[in-house]
Amino acid sequence: MSGPSAPGSSMPRRRVLVVGIDGVTLDTLAAVPTPHLDSVAEEGFLAPVTIDPGTPTMSGPCWATIVTGVGIDKHAVWSNDFSGNRLQLFPDFASRLHSENGVHTYVAAGWQPLLTVANGGPLFRTPGRSTFIGAPAETVEAWDATDEAITRDAVRVLSEDDPEASFVYLGSVDETGHLLGCGERYEEAVVRADERLGRLLSALRARSSYAEEEWTVIVVTDHGHRPEGGHGGRSERESTAWIASCGPDIASAPPERTLRHEDVAAQVYASLGRTIDSHATVDGRAWSKS
């Protein structure tokens, strides 16, 4: 997703937006209208991801793998309580880019293990600019309102500010699956998440500097759900996730190789043209052409 370079300008400025939509089963995407996710896939690709057999199909371990670029044996997030983790050695991409490269980063989330109001973490520890908006209750309506508030904040930041790497988390789909199962209300939550994705994409295009920028967009889910709701097992529905991506270096077809969650962080670094300064490497591989 890019605009042409302005006359007389230097190289376009690279930017990355990662949108994490929690708990969206791959088969649901074929059952409901998702025009904005479809637009990302049409410009680039949408491909399945099989969660590694040793990784619990839970949000904590899967999001840790996605944003650190390393597997569970390294980051040691084995559950949703994050106890005993090794995230100081294997930090998330936003904290690493902000602290090691001085990159302007932005993270918005409403699930507390990802980000808290007080001091960040446990997953996103020092991500630069951040917004945490917690759900006031464990209800479908409360989580939907939280996603809406996060989307409004992210639209404002993406439109008016200049984050080079952003992560925006939407959690109401997963909570709906837990509370009500993967029926009609769950499908409606997926449709609303896609509408919010569309607003984020529109915010990029509305930027005054958009013509001088090259944006890579990554949309990713962490795990699936059983039909009755819930996850943590190894059924195909629970252990199948997916990644969609488009951008100036992204081929308009899925990679020939099998994608892994670890690849997301690797692609963020590649799209920004950044190297990793610390001793901790990533296990993933970028899927971009160059």
Protein backbone atom coordinates (compact mmCIF):
# COMPACT_ATOMS: atom_id res chain seq x y z
CA MET A 1 0.00 0.00 0.00
CA SER A 2 1.87 3.02 -1.21
CA GLY A 3 1.51 6.31 -2.96
CA PRO A 4 3.80 7.76 -5.61
CA SER A 5 6.83 9.71 -4.50
CA ALA A 6 6.41 13.45 -4.52
CA PRO A 7 8.35 15.32 -7.24
CA GLY A 8 11.91 15.96 -6.14
CA SER A 9 11.50 13.86 -3.02
CA SER A 10 13.99 11.37 -1.68
CA MET A 11 13.14 7.75 -1.03
CA PRO A 12 9.59 7.20 0.27
CA ARG A 13 9.32 6.91 4.03
CA ARG A 14 8.58 3.37 5.16
CA ARG A 15 5.72 2.72 7.57
CA VAL A 16 4.11 -0.46 8.98
CA LEU A 17 0.67 -1.04 10.47
CA VAL A 18 -0.03 -4.37 12.20
CA VAL A 19 -3.67 -5.01 13.11
CA GLY A 20 -4.19 -7.93 15.48
CA ILE A 21 -7.75 -9.29 15.51
CA ASP A 22 -8.05 -11.87 18.27
CA GLY A 23 -9.63 -15.27 17.74
CA VAL A 24 -10.95 -15.14 14.15
CA THR A 25 -11.41 -18.59 12.65
CA LEU A 26 -10.29 -18.94 9.07
CA ASP A 27 -13.54 -20.53 7.92
CA THR A 28 -15.54 -17.58 9.24
CA LEU A 29 -13.79 -15.31 6.72
CA ALA A 30 -15.40 -17.32 3.93
CA ALA A 31 -18.83 -17.10 5.55
CA VAL A 32 -19.20 -13.36 6.21
CA PRO A 33 -18.46 -10.18 4.22
CA THR A 34 -15.03 -8.74 5.03
CA PRO A 35 -14.41 -6.25 2.19
CA HIS A 36 -11.56 -4.42 3.89
CA LEU A 37 -9.62 -7.56 4.75
CA ASP A 38 -10.38 -8.75 1.23
CA SER A 39 -8.82 -5.56 -0.15
CA VAL A 40 -5.60 -6.28 1.73
CA ALA A 41 -5.61 -9.85 0.41
CA GLU A 42 -6.29 -8.67 -3.15
CA GLU A 43 -3.34 -6.27 -3.07
CA GLY A 44 -1.18 -8.91 -1.41
CA PHE A 45 -2.30 -12.20 0.08
CA LEU A 46 -4.11 -14.00 2.88
CA ALA A 47 -2.59 -17.29 4.01
CA PRO A 48 -3.22 -19.79 6.81
CA VAL A 49 -0.86 -20.24 9.72
CA THR A 50 -0.70 -23.49 11.68
CA ILE A 51 0.22 -22.84 15.29
CA ASP A 52 3.31 -24.82 16.26
CA PRO A 53 2.42 -28.08 18.05
CA GLY A 54 4.31 -27.06 21.19
CA THR A 55 2.52 -23.71 21.50
CA PRO A 56 -0.79 -23.63 23.40
CA THR A 57 -3.59 -22.22 21.28
CA MET A 58 -4.04 -19.36 23.71
CA SER A 59 -3.75 -15.61 23.26
CA GLY A 60 -0.73 -15.05 25.49
CA PRO A 61 1.65 -17.54 23.85
CA CYS A 62 0.46 -16.79 20.32
CA TRP A 63 0.63 -12.99 20.58
CA ALA A 64 4.04 -13.27 22.23
CA THR A 65 5.29 -15.29 19.26
CA ILE A 66 3.75 -12.84 16.79
CA VAL A 67 5.23 -9.65 18.23
CA THR A 68 8.62 -10.97 19.39
CA GLY A 69 9.40 -13.07 16.34
CA VAL A 70 10.62 -16.00 18.44
CA GLY A 71 9.02 -19.25 19.51
CA ILE A 72 7.67 -20.26 22.87
CA ASP A 73 10.91 -21.98 23.97
CA LYS A 74 12.60 -18.57 23.87
CA HIS A 75 9.96 -16.08 25.03
CA ALA A 76 8.57 -18.60 27.59
CA VAL A 77 5.01 -17.25 27.60
CA TRP A 78 3.18 -20.51 28.22
CA SER A 79 -0.19 -19.13 29.30
CA ASN A 80 -2.18 -15.93 29.67
CA ASP A 81 -0.60 -14.99 33.02
CA PHE A 82 2.87 -14.49 31.48
CA SER A 83 4.62 -15.82 34.59
CA GLY A 84 8.25 -16.83 34.06
CA ASN A 85 8.49 -15.10 30.69
CA ARG A 86 11.81 -14.11 29.07
CA LEU A 87 10.53 -11.00 27.30
CA GLN A 88 13.38 -8.87 28.55
CA LEU A 89 15.68 -11.01 26.40
CA PHE A 90 13.24 -11.26 23.50
CA PRO A 91 11.26 -8.01 23.42
CA ASP A 92 8.31 -7.11 21.21
CA PHE A 93 9.03 -5.35 17.92
CA ALA A 94 7.64 -1.97 19.03
CA SER A 95 9.74 -1.79 22.20
CA ARG A 96 12.84 -3.01 20.37
CA LEU A 97 12.44 -0.52 17.51
CA HIS A 98 11.73 2.33 19.92
CA SER A 99 14.62 1.65 22.30
CA GLU A 100 17.29 0.41 19.88
CA ASN A 101 16.55 2.39 16.72
CA GLY A 102 14.67 5.44 17.95
CA VAL A 103 11.68 4.53 15.80
CA HIS A 104 8.43 6.34 16.52
CA THR A 105 6.05 3.53 17.53
CA TYR A 106 2.41 3.30 18.61
CA VAL A 107 0.50 0.49 20.33
CA ALA A 108 -3.21 0.44 21.20
CA ALA A 109 -4.82 -2.45 23.05
CA GLY A 110 -7.53 -3.31 25.56
CA TRP A 111 -6.34 -6.70 26.82
CA GLN A 112 -4.21 -6.15 29.90
CA PRO A 113 -1.48 -8.76 29.30
CA LEU A 114 -0.58 -6.90 26.12
CA LEU A 115 -0.43 -3.44 27.62
CA THR A 116 -1.40 -1.70 30.85
CA VAL A 117 -2.11 1.89 31.76
CA ALA A 118 0.60 2.23 34.39
CA ASN A 119 3.85 1.03 32.92
CA GLY A 120 3.36 -1.04 29.80
CA GLY A 121 3.81 -4.76 29.55
CA PRO A 122 3.99 -7.48 30.24
CA LEU A 123 4.17 -7.98 26.48
CA PHE A 124 4.61 -4.48 25.07
CA ARG A 125 7.02 -3.12 27.68
CA THR A 126 8.33 0.21 26.36
CA PRO A 127 6.56 0.74 23.06
CA GLY A 128 6.83 4.51 22.84
CA ARG A 129 3.38 6.01 22.41
CA SER A 130 0.62 3.74 23.67
CA THR A 131 -3.08 3.70 24.49
CA PHE A 132 -4.72 1.20 26.83
CA ILE A 133 -8.52 1.14 27.05
CA GLY A 134 -9.76 -1.72 29.20
CA ALA A 135 -13.23 -3.21 28.88
CA PRO A 136 -15.37 -2.10 31.86
CA ALA A 137 -17.03 -5.52 32.05
CA GLU A 138 -16.65 -9.01 30.61
CA THR A 139 -19.58 -8.63 28.22
CA VAL A 140 -19.87 -8.60 24.46
CA GLU A 141 -21.14 -5.02 24.57
CA ALA A 142 -18.29 -3.81 26.77
CA TRP A 143 -15.63 -5.38 24.56
CA ASP A 144 -17.26 -3.99 21.44
CA ALA A 145 -17.21 -0.51 23.00
CA THR A 146 -13.54 -0.98 23.89
CA ASP A 147 -12.65 -1.93 20.32
CA GLU A 148 -14.57 1.10 19.09
CA ALA A 149 -12.67 3.42 21.45
CA ILE A 150 -9.33 1.89 20.44
CA THR A 151 -10.21 2.31 16.76
CA ARG A 152 -11.10 5.97 17.25
CA ASP A 153 -7.80 6.61 19.02
CA ALA A 154 -5.83 4.75 16.37
CA VAL A 155 -7.57 6.61 13.54
CA ARG A 156 -6.63 9.90 15.17
CA VAL A 157 -3.00 8.89 15.71
CA LEU A 158 -2.59 7.40 12.24
CA SER A 159 -4.19 10.44 10.63
CA GLU A 160 -2.44 13.20 12.56
CA ASP A 161 0.78 11.78 14.00
CA ASP A 162 3.69 9.98 12.35
CA PRO A 163 4.16 6.48 13.79
CA GLU A 164 6.60 4.39 11.78
CA ALA A 165 5.49 1.08 13.31
CA SER A 166 2.05 0.57 14.86
CA PHE A 167 0.18 -2.32 16.46
CA VAL A 168 -3.59 -2.03 16.97
CA TYR A 169 -5.36 -4.83 18.85
CA LEU A 170 -9.07 -5.67 18.53
CA GLY A 171 -10.35 -8.22 21.04
CA SER A 172 -14.15 -8.32 20.84
CA VAL A 173 -14.32 -11.20 18.34
CA ASP A 174 -12.50 -13.51 20.72
CA GLU A 175 -14.55 -12.43 23.72
CA THR A 176 -17.78 -12.98 21.78
CA GLY A 177 -16.65 -16.50 20.93
CA HIS A 178 -15.92 -17.23 24.59
CA LEU A 179 -19.19 -15.80 25.84
CA LEU A 180 -21.63 -16.83 23.11
CA GLY A 181 -19.93 -19.39 20.89
CA CYS A 182 -19.12 -19.01 17.20
CA GLY A 183 -22.63 -18.41 15.91
CA GLU A 184 -24.40 -15.36 14.54
CA ARG A 185 -23.15 -12.90 17.16
CA TYR A 186 -19.58 -14.08 16.61
CA GLU A 187 -19.93 -13.56 12.86
CA GLU A 188 -21.36 -10.08 13.47
CA ALA A 189 -18.30 -9.29 15.59
CA VAL A 190 -16.02 -10.32 12.72
CA VAL A 191 -17.93 -8.00 10.37
CA ARG A 192 -17.53 -5.11 12.84
CA ALA A 193 -13.80 -5.83 13.19
CA ASP A 194 -13.48 -5.66 9.41
CA GLU A 195 -15.31 -2.32 9.36
CA ARG A 196 -12.83 -1.01 11.94
CA LEU A 197 -9.95 -2.29 9.85
CA GLY A 198 -11.40 -0.27 6.98
CA ARG A 199 -11.35 2.89 9.07
CA LEU A 200 -7.70 2.30 9.95
CA LEU A 201 -6.82 1.85 6.29
CA SER A 202 -8.75 5.01 5.38
CA ALA A 203 -6.79 6.90 8.04
CA LEU A 204 -3.54 5.94 6.31
CA ARG A 205 -4.76 7.12 2.94
CA ALA A 206 -6.00 10.40 4.41
CA ARG A 207 -2.57 11.34 5.73
CA SER A 208 -1.22 14.56 4.22
CA SER A 209 2.13 12.83 3.69
CA TYR A 210 0.69 9.59 2.28
CA ALA A 211 2.02 10.22 -1.23
CA GLU A 212 5.55 10.35 0.18
CA GLU A 213 5.19 7.11 2.18
CA GLU A 214 5.22 3.37 1.57
CA TRP A 215 2.93 1.47 3.92
CA THR A 216 3.07 -2.23 4.67
CA VAL A 217 -0.12 -3.54 6.24
CA ILE A 218 -0.23 -6.80 8.20
CA VAL A 219 -3.47 -8.22 9.61
CA VAL A 220 -3.10 -11.29 11.81
CA THR A 221 -5.10 -13.46 14.17
CA ASP A 222 -3.63 -15.48 17.01
CA HIS A 223 -5.77 -18.64 17.08
CA GLY A 224 -9.17 -20.02 16.22
CA HIS A 225 -12.12 -21.31 18.25
CA ARG A 226 -14.14 -24.44 18.70
CA PRO A 227 -17.68 -24.09 17.25
CA GLU A 228 -19.14 -23.83 20.75
CA GLY A 229 -16.53 -21.22 21.68
CA GLY A 230 -13.23 -21.60 23.46
CA HIS A 231 -9.75 -22.69 22.47
CA GLY A 232 -6.57 -24.19 23.88
CA GLY A 233 -6.73 -27.59 22.20
CA ARG A 234 -5.25 -28.90 18.98
CA SER A 235 -8.33 -29.19 16.78
CA GLU A 236 -7.87 -27.81 13.26
CA ARG A 237 -10.24 -24.93 13.99
CA GLU A 238 -8.34 -23.91 17.13
CA SER A 239 -4.82 -24.33 15.74
CA THR A 240 -5.36 -22.60 12.39
CA ALA A 241 -4.64 -18.88 12.34
CA TRP A 242 -3.96 -16.62 9.34
CA ILE A 243 -1.97 -13.62 8.10
CA ALA A 244 -2.97 -11.09 5.43
CA SER A 245 -0.51 -8.53 4.12
CA CYS A 246 0.07 -6.00 1.37
CA GLY A 247 2.68 -3.38 0.68
CA PRO A 248 5.30 -2.19 -1.79
CA ASP A 249 7.49 -5.29 -1.38
CA ILE A 250 4.69 -7.81 -0.89
CA ALA A 251 3.86 -10.20 -3.75
CA SER A 252 0.25 -10.39 -4.91
CA ALA A 253 0.08 -14.07 -4.01
CA PRO A 254 0.73 -16.10 -0.87
CA PRO A 255 4.35 -17.14 -0.31
CA GLU A 256 5.18 -20.61 -1.56
CA ARG A 257 6.47 -21.55 1.86
CA THR A 258 4.33 -22.09 4.94
CA LEU A 259 3.99 -18.95 7.04
CA ARG A 260 4.54 -18.93 10.81
CA HIS A 261 3.58 -16.45 13.49
CA GLU A 262 7.27 -15.68 14.02
CA ASP A 263 7.37 -14.19 10.53
CA VAL A 264 5.28 -11.14 11.49
CA ALA A 265 7.98 -9.38 13.52
CA ALA A 266 10.60 -10.29 10.92
CA GLN A 267 8.46 -8.64 8.25
CA VAL A 268 8.02 -5.49 10.34
CA TYR A 269 11.78 -5.07 10.53
CA ALA A 270 12.24 -5.85 6.84
CA SER A 271 9.52 -3.42 5.74
CA LEU A 272 11.18 -0.64 7.73
CA GLY A 273 14.63 -1.56 6.46
CA ARG A 274 15.81 -1.88 10.06
CA THR A 275 18.39 -4.21 11.56
CA ILE A 276 18.31 -5.68 15.05
CA ASP A 277 20.98 -4.24 17.32
CA SER A 278 20.66 -6.56 20.29
CA HIS A 279 22.05 -10.07 20.60
CA ALA A 280 18.55 -11.54 20.50
CA THR A 281 17.65 -12.50 16.94
CA VAL A 282 14.27 -13.43 15.51
CA ASP A 283 13.30 -16.89 14.36
CA GLY A 284 10.89 -15.71 11.67
CA ARG A 285 11.54 -14.86 8.03
CA ALA A 286 10.11 -11.90 6.15
CA TRP A 287 7.76 -12.77 3.28
CA SER A 288 8.54 -9.64 1.25
CA LYS A 289 10.13 -10.01 -2.17
CA SER A 290 13.26 -8.02 -1.28
